[in-house]
N, C-alpha and C. Protein backbone atom coordinates (compact mmCIF):
# COMPACT_ATOMS: atom_id res chain seq x y z
N VAL A 1 12.64 52.37 34.76
CA VAL A 1 11.72 52.89 35.77
C VAL A 1 11.41 51.82 36.80
N ARG A 2 12.40 50.99 37.07
CA ARG A 2 12.25 49.91 38.04
C ARG A 2 12.57 50.42 39.44
N SER A 3 12.13 49.68 40.43
CA SER A 3 12.44 50.04 41.81
C SER A 3 13.92 49.78 42.09
N ALA A 4 14.40 50.36 43.18
CA ALA A 4 15.81 50.15 43.56
C ALA A 4 16.09 48.68 43.82
N GLN A 5 15.16 47.99 44.45
CA GLN A 5 15.33 46.57 44.74
C GLN A 5 15.40 45.75 43.45
N GLU A 6 14.51 46.04 42.50
CA GLU A 6 14.53 45.33 41.22
C GLU A 6 15.84 45.59 40.48
N TYR A 7 16.27 46.83 40.47
CA TYR A 7 17.51 47.21 39.80
C TYR A 7 18.71 46.49 40.42
N ALA A 8 18.73 46.38 41.74
CA ALA A 8 19.82 45.71 42.44
C ALA A 8 19.86 44.21 42.13
N GLN A 9 18.72 43.63 41.84
CA GLN A 9 18.64 42.19 41.56
C GLN A 9 19.12 41.83 40.16
N GLY A 10 19.22 42.80 39.29
CA GLY A 10 19.70 42.56 37.94
C GLY A 10 19.33 43.72 37.04
N ARG A 11 20.17 43.96 36.05
CA ARG A 11 19.93 45.10 35.17
C ARG A 11 20.60 44.89 33.82
N VAL A 12 20.15 45.66 32.87
CA VAL A 12 20.77 45.68 31.55
C VAL A 12 22.09 46.44 31.68
N PRO A 13 23.18 45.88 31.16
CA PRO A 13 24.45 46.60 31.24
C PRO A 13 24.33 48.01 30.64
N GLY A 14 24.80 48.99 31.38
CA GLY A 14 24.76 50.37 30.92
C GLY A 14 23.45 51.10 31.18
N ALA A 15 22.49 50.42 31.81
CA ALA A 15 21.19 51.04 32.08
C ALA A 15 21.34 52.19 33.07
N HIS A 16 20.56 53.23 32.85
CA HIS A 16 20.51 54.38 33.76
C HIS A 16 19.25 54.22 34.60
N HIS A 17 19.39 54.21 35.91
CA HIS A 17 18.27 53.91 36.80
C HIS A 17 17.55 55.17 37.27
N ILE A 18 16.29 55.29 36.86
CA ILE A 18 15.42 56.35 37.37
C ILE A 18 14.09 55.70 37.71
N PRO A 19 13.79 55.51 39.00
CA PRO A 19 12.50 54.92 39.38
C PRO A 19 11.34 55.79 38.89
N LEU A 20 10.22 55.16 38.60
CA LEU A 20 9.07 55.88 38.07
C LEU A 20 8.68 57.06 38.95
N GLN A 21 8.68 56.89 40.27
CA GLN A 21 8.25 57.96 41.16
C GLN A 21 9.20 59.16 41.15
N SER A 22 10.39 59.01 40.60
CA SER A 22 11.36 60.10 40.50
C SER A 22 11.43 60.71 39.11
N LEU A 23 10.78 60.10 38.16
CA LEU A 23 10.95 60.48 36.76
C LEU A 23 10.62 61.94 36.49
N SER A 24 9.50 62.43 36.99
CA SER A 24 9.10 63.82 36.72
C SER A 24 10.13 64.83 37.21
N ASP A 25 10.82 64.50 38.30
CA ASP A 25 11.82 65.40 38.86
C ASP A 25 13.19 65.27 38.19
N ARG A 26 13.35 64.23 37.36
CA ARG A 26 14.67 63.96 36.78
C ARG A 26 14.64 63.93 35.25
N LEU A 27 13.66 64.59 34.65
CA LEU A 27 13.52 64.58 33.19
C LEU A 27 14.75 65.08 32.46
N ASP A 28 15.50 65.99 33.10
CA ASP A 28 16.71 66.52 32.46
C ASP A 28 17.80 65.46 32.29
N GLU A 29 17.70 64.35 33.00
CA GLU A 29 18.67 63.26 32.89
C GLU A 29 18.33 62.27 31.78
N VAL A 30 17.14 62.42 31.20
CA VAL A 30 16.66 61.46 30.21
C VAL A 30 17.00 61.96 28.80
N PRO A 31 17.62 61.10 27.98
CA PRO A 31 17.91 61.51 26.61
C PRO A 31 16.62 61.70 25.80
N ASP A 32 16.74 62.28 24.62
CA ASP A 32 15.56 62.56 23.80
C ASP A 32 14.82 61.31 23.35
N SER A 33 15.54 60.21 23.12
CA SER A 33 14.91 58.97 22.63
C SER A 33 15.31 57.79 23.51
N PRO A 34 14.85 57.76 24.76
CA PRO A 34 15.26 56.69 25.66
C PRO A 34 14.54 55.37 25.37
N VAL A 35 15.21 54.28 25.70
CA VAL A 35 14.57 52.96 25.72
C VAL A 35 14.16 52.75 27.17
N VAL A 36 12.88 52.50 27.40
CA VAL A 36 12.32 52.46 28.74
C VAL A 36 11.83 51.05 29.07
N HIS A 37 12.17 50.58 30.26
CA HIS A 37 11.62 49.29 30.71
C HIS A 37 11.45 49.29 32.22
N CYS A 38 10.56 48.45 32.67
CA CYS A 38 10.37 48.21 34.10
C CYS A 38 10.48 46.70 34.29
N GLN A 39 9.91 46.17 35.34
CA GLN A 39 10.03 44.73 35.58
C GLN A 39 9.14 43.93 34.63
N SER A 40 7.88 44.35 34.49
CA SER A 40 6.93 43.57 33.69
C SER A 40 6.36 44.31 32.49
N GLY A 41 6.40 45.64 32.50
CA GLY A 41 5.90 46.41 31.38
C GLY A 41 4.86 47.46 31.71
N LEU A 42 4.26 47.42 32.88
CA LEU A 42 3.21 48.37 33.24
C LEU A 42 3.76 49.77 33.54
N ARG A 43 4.73 49.86 34.42
CA ARG A 43 5.29 51.17 34.78
C ARG A 43 5.95 51.85 33.60
N SER A 44 6.53 51.06 32.70
CA SER A 44 7.19 51.68 31.54
C SER A 44 6.17 52.34 30.62
N LEU A 45 4.95 51.81 30.55
CA LEU A 45 3.90 52.47 29.76
C LEU A 45 3.56 53.83 30.36
N ILE A 46 3.47 53.89 31.67
CA ILE A 46 3.20 55.15 32.36
C ILE A 46 4.36 56.11 32.13
N ALA A 47 5.58 55.60 32.26
CA ALA A 47 6.77 56.43 32.07
C ALA A 47 6.82 56.99 30.65
N CYS A 48 6.50 56.17 29.67
CA CYS A 48 6.52 56.64 28.28
C CYS A 48 5.52 57.76 28.07
N SER A 49 4.38 57.66 28.71
CA SER A 49 3.38 58.72 28.61
C SER A 49 3.91 60.03 29.20
N LEU A 50 4.54 59.95 30.37
CA LEU A 50 5.13 61.13 30.99
C LEU A 50 6.25 61.73 30.12
N LEU A 51 7.05 60.86 29.56
CA LEU A 51 8.16 61.32 28.72
C LEU A 51 7.65 61.97 27.43
N GLU A 52 6.62 61.41 26.83
CA GLU A 52 6.05 62.01 25.63
C GLU A 52 5.49 63.40 25.91
N ARG A 53 4.82 63.56 27.06
CA ARG A 53 4.31 64.88 27.44
C ARG A 53 5.44 65.88 27.65
N ALA A 54 6.62 65.37 28.00
CA ALA A 54 7.78 66.24 28.21
C ALA A 54 8.55 66.49 26.91
N GLY A 55 8.03 65.99 25.79
CA GLY A 55 8.67 66.22 24.50
C GLY A 55 9.72 65.20 24.10
N LYS A 56 9.81 64.11 24.86
CA LYS A 56 10.77 63.04 24.53
C LYS A 56 10.12 62.05 23.56
N HIS A 57 10.93 61.15 23.04
CA HIS A 57 10.47 60.14 22.10
C HIS A 57 10.89 58.75 22.61
N PRO A 58 10.24 58.27 23.67
CA PRO A 58 10.64 57.00 24.28
C PRO A 58 10.24 55.78 23.46
N ARG A 59 10.99 54.72 23.65
CA ARG A 59 10.67 53.41 23.09
C ARG A 59 10.50 52.46 24.25
N ASP A 60 9.33 51.85 24.34
CA ASP A 60 9.01 50.95 25.44
C ASP A 60 9.41 49.52 25.11
N VAL A 61 9.99 48.83 26.08
CA VAL A 61 10.32 47.42 25.93
C VAL A 61 9.12 46.62 26.41
N LEU A 62 8.39 46.05 25.48
CA LEU A 62 7.22 45.25 25.83
C LEU A 62 7.67 44.01 26.60
N GLY A 63 7.01 43.74 27.71
CA GLY A 63 7.38 42.60 28.54
C GLY A 63 8.39 42.93 29.61
N GLY A 64 8.98 44.12 29.55
CA GLY A 64 9.88 44.59 30.60
C GLY A 64 11.17 43.80 30.75
N TYR A 65 11.77 43.95 31.91
CA TYR A 65 13.06 43.31 32.19
C TYR A 65 12.95 41.80 32.12
N ARG A 66 11.82 41.25 32.52
CA ARG A 66 11.64 39.79 32.44
C ARG A 66 11.86 39.30 31.02
N GLU A 67 11.29 40.00 30.07
CA GLU A 67 11.43 39.64 28.65
C GLU A 67 12.88 39.82 28.19
N ILE A 68 13.49 40.91 28.59
CA ILE A 68 14.90 41.16 28.22
C ILE A 68 15.78 40.05 28.78
N LYS A 69 15.59 39.75 30.05
CA LYS A 69 16.42 38.74 30.71
C LYS A 69 16.26 37.38 30.05
N GLU A 70 15.04 37.04 29.72
CA GLU A 70 14.77 35.75 29.08
C GLU A 70 15.43 35.65 27.71
N LYS A 71 15.33 36.70 26.93
CA LYS A 71 15.86 36.68 25.57
C LYS A 71 17.37 36.84 25.52
N ALA A 72 17.91 37.65 26.43
CA ALA A 72 19.35 37.92 26.41
C ALA A 72 20.14 37.02 27.35
N GLU A 73 19.44 36.26 28.17
CA GLU A 73 20.08 35.40 29.16
C GLU A 73 21.03 36.18 30.06
N LEU A 74 20.54 37.29 30.62
CA LEU A 74 21.34 38.13 31.53
C LEU A 74 21.47 37.46 32.88
């Protein structure tokens, strides 16, 4: 649920990009149990709430892309 600019600056290989502001309109593109992240972790919490209301079972990456990048050295 990162912005287009954030996504262009770096991403997890194989990540599917849906910005938070587009999520409600693109729920059909989201798998039942998505792993969700944003840049720092705030938007992904909001996204997980929206996804849960839509009947999905999201898993949030605490710390967001920054944490992923630091741990995986992307």
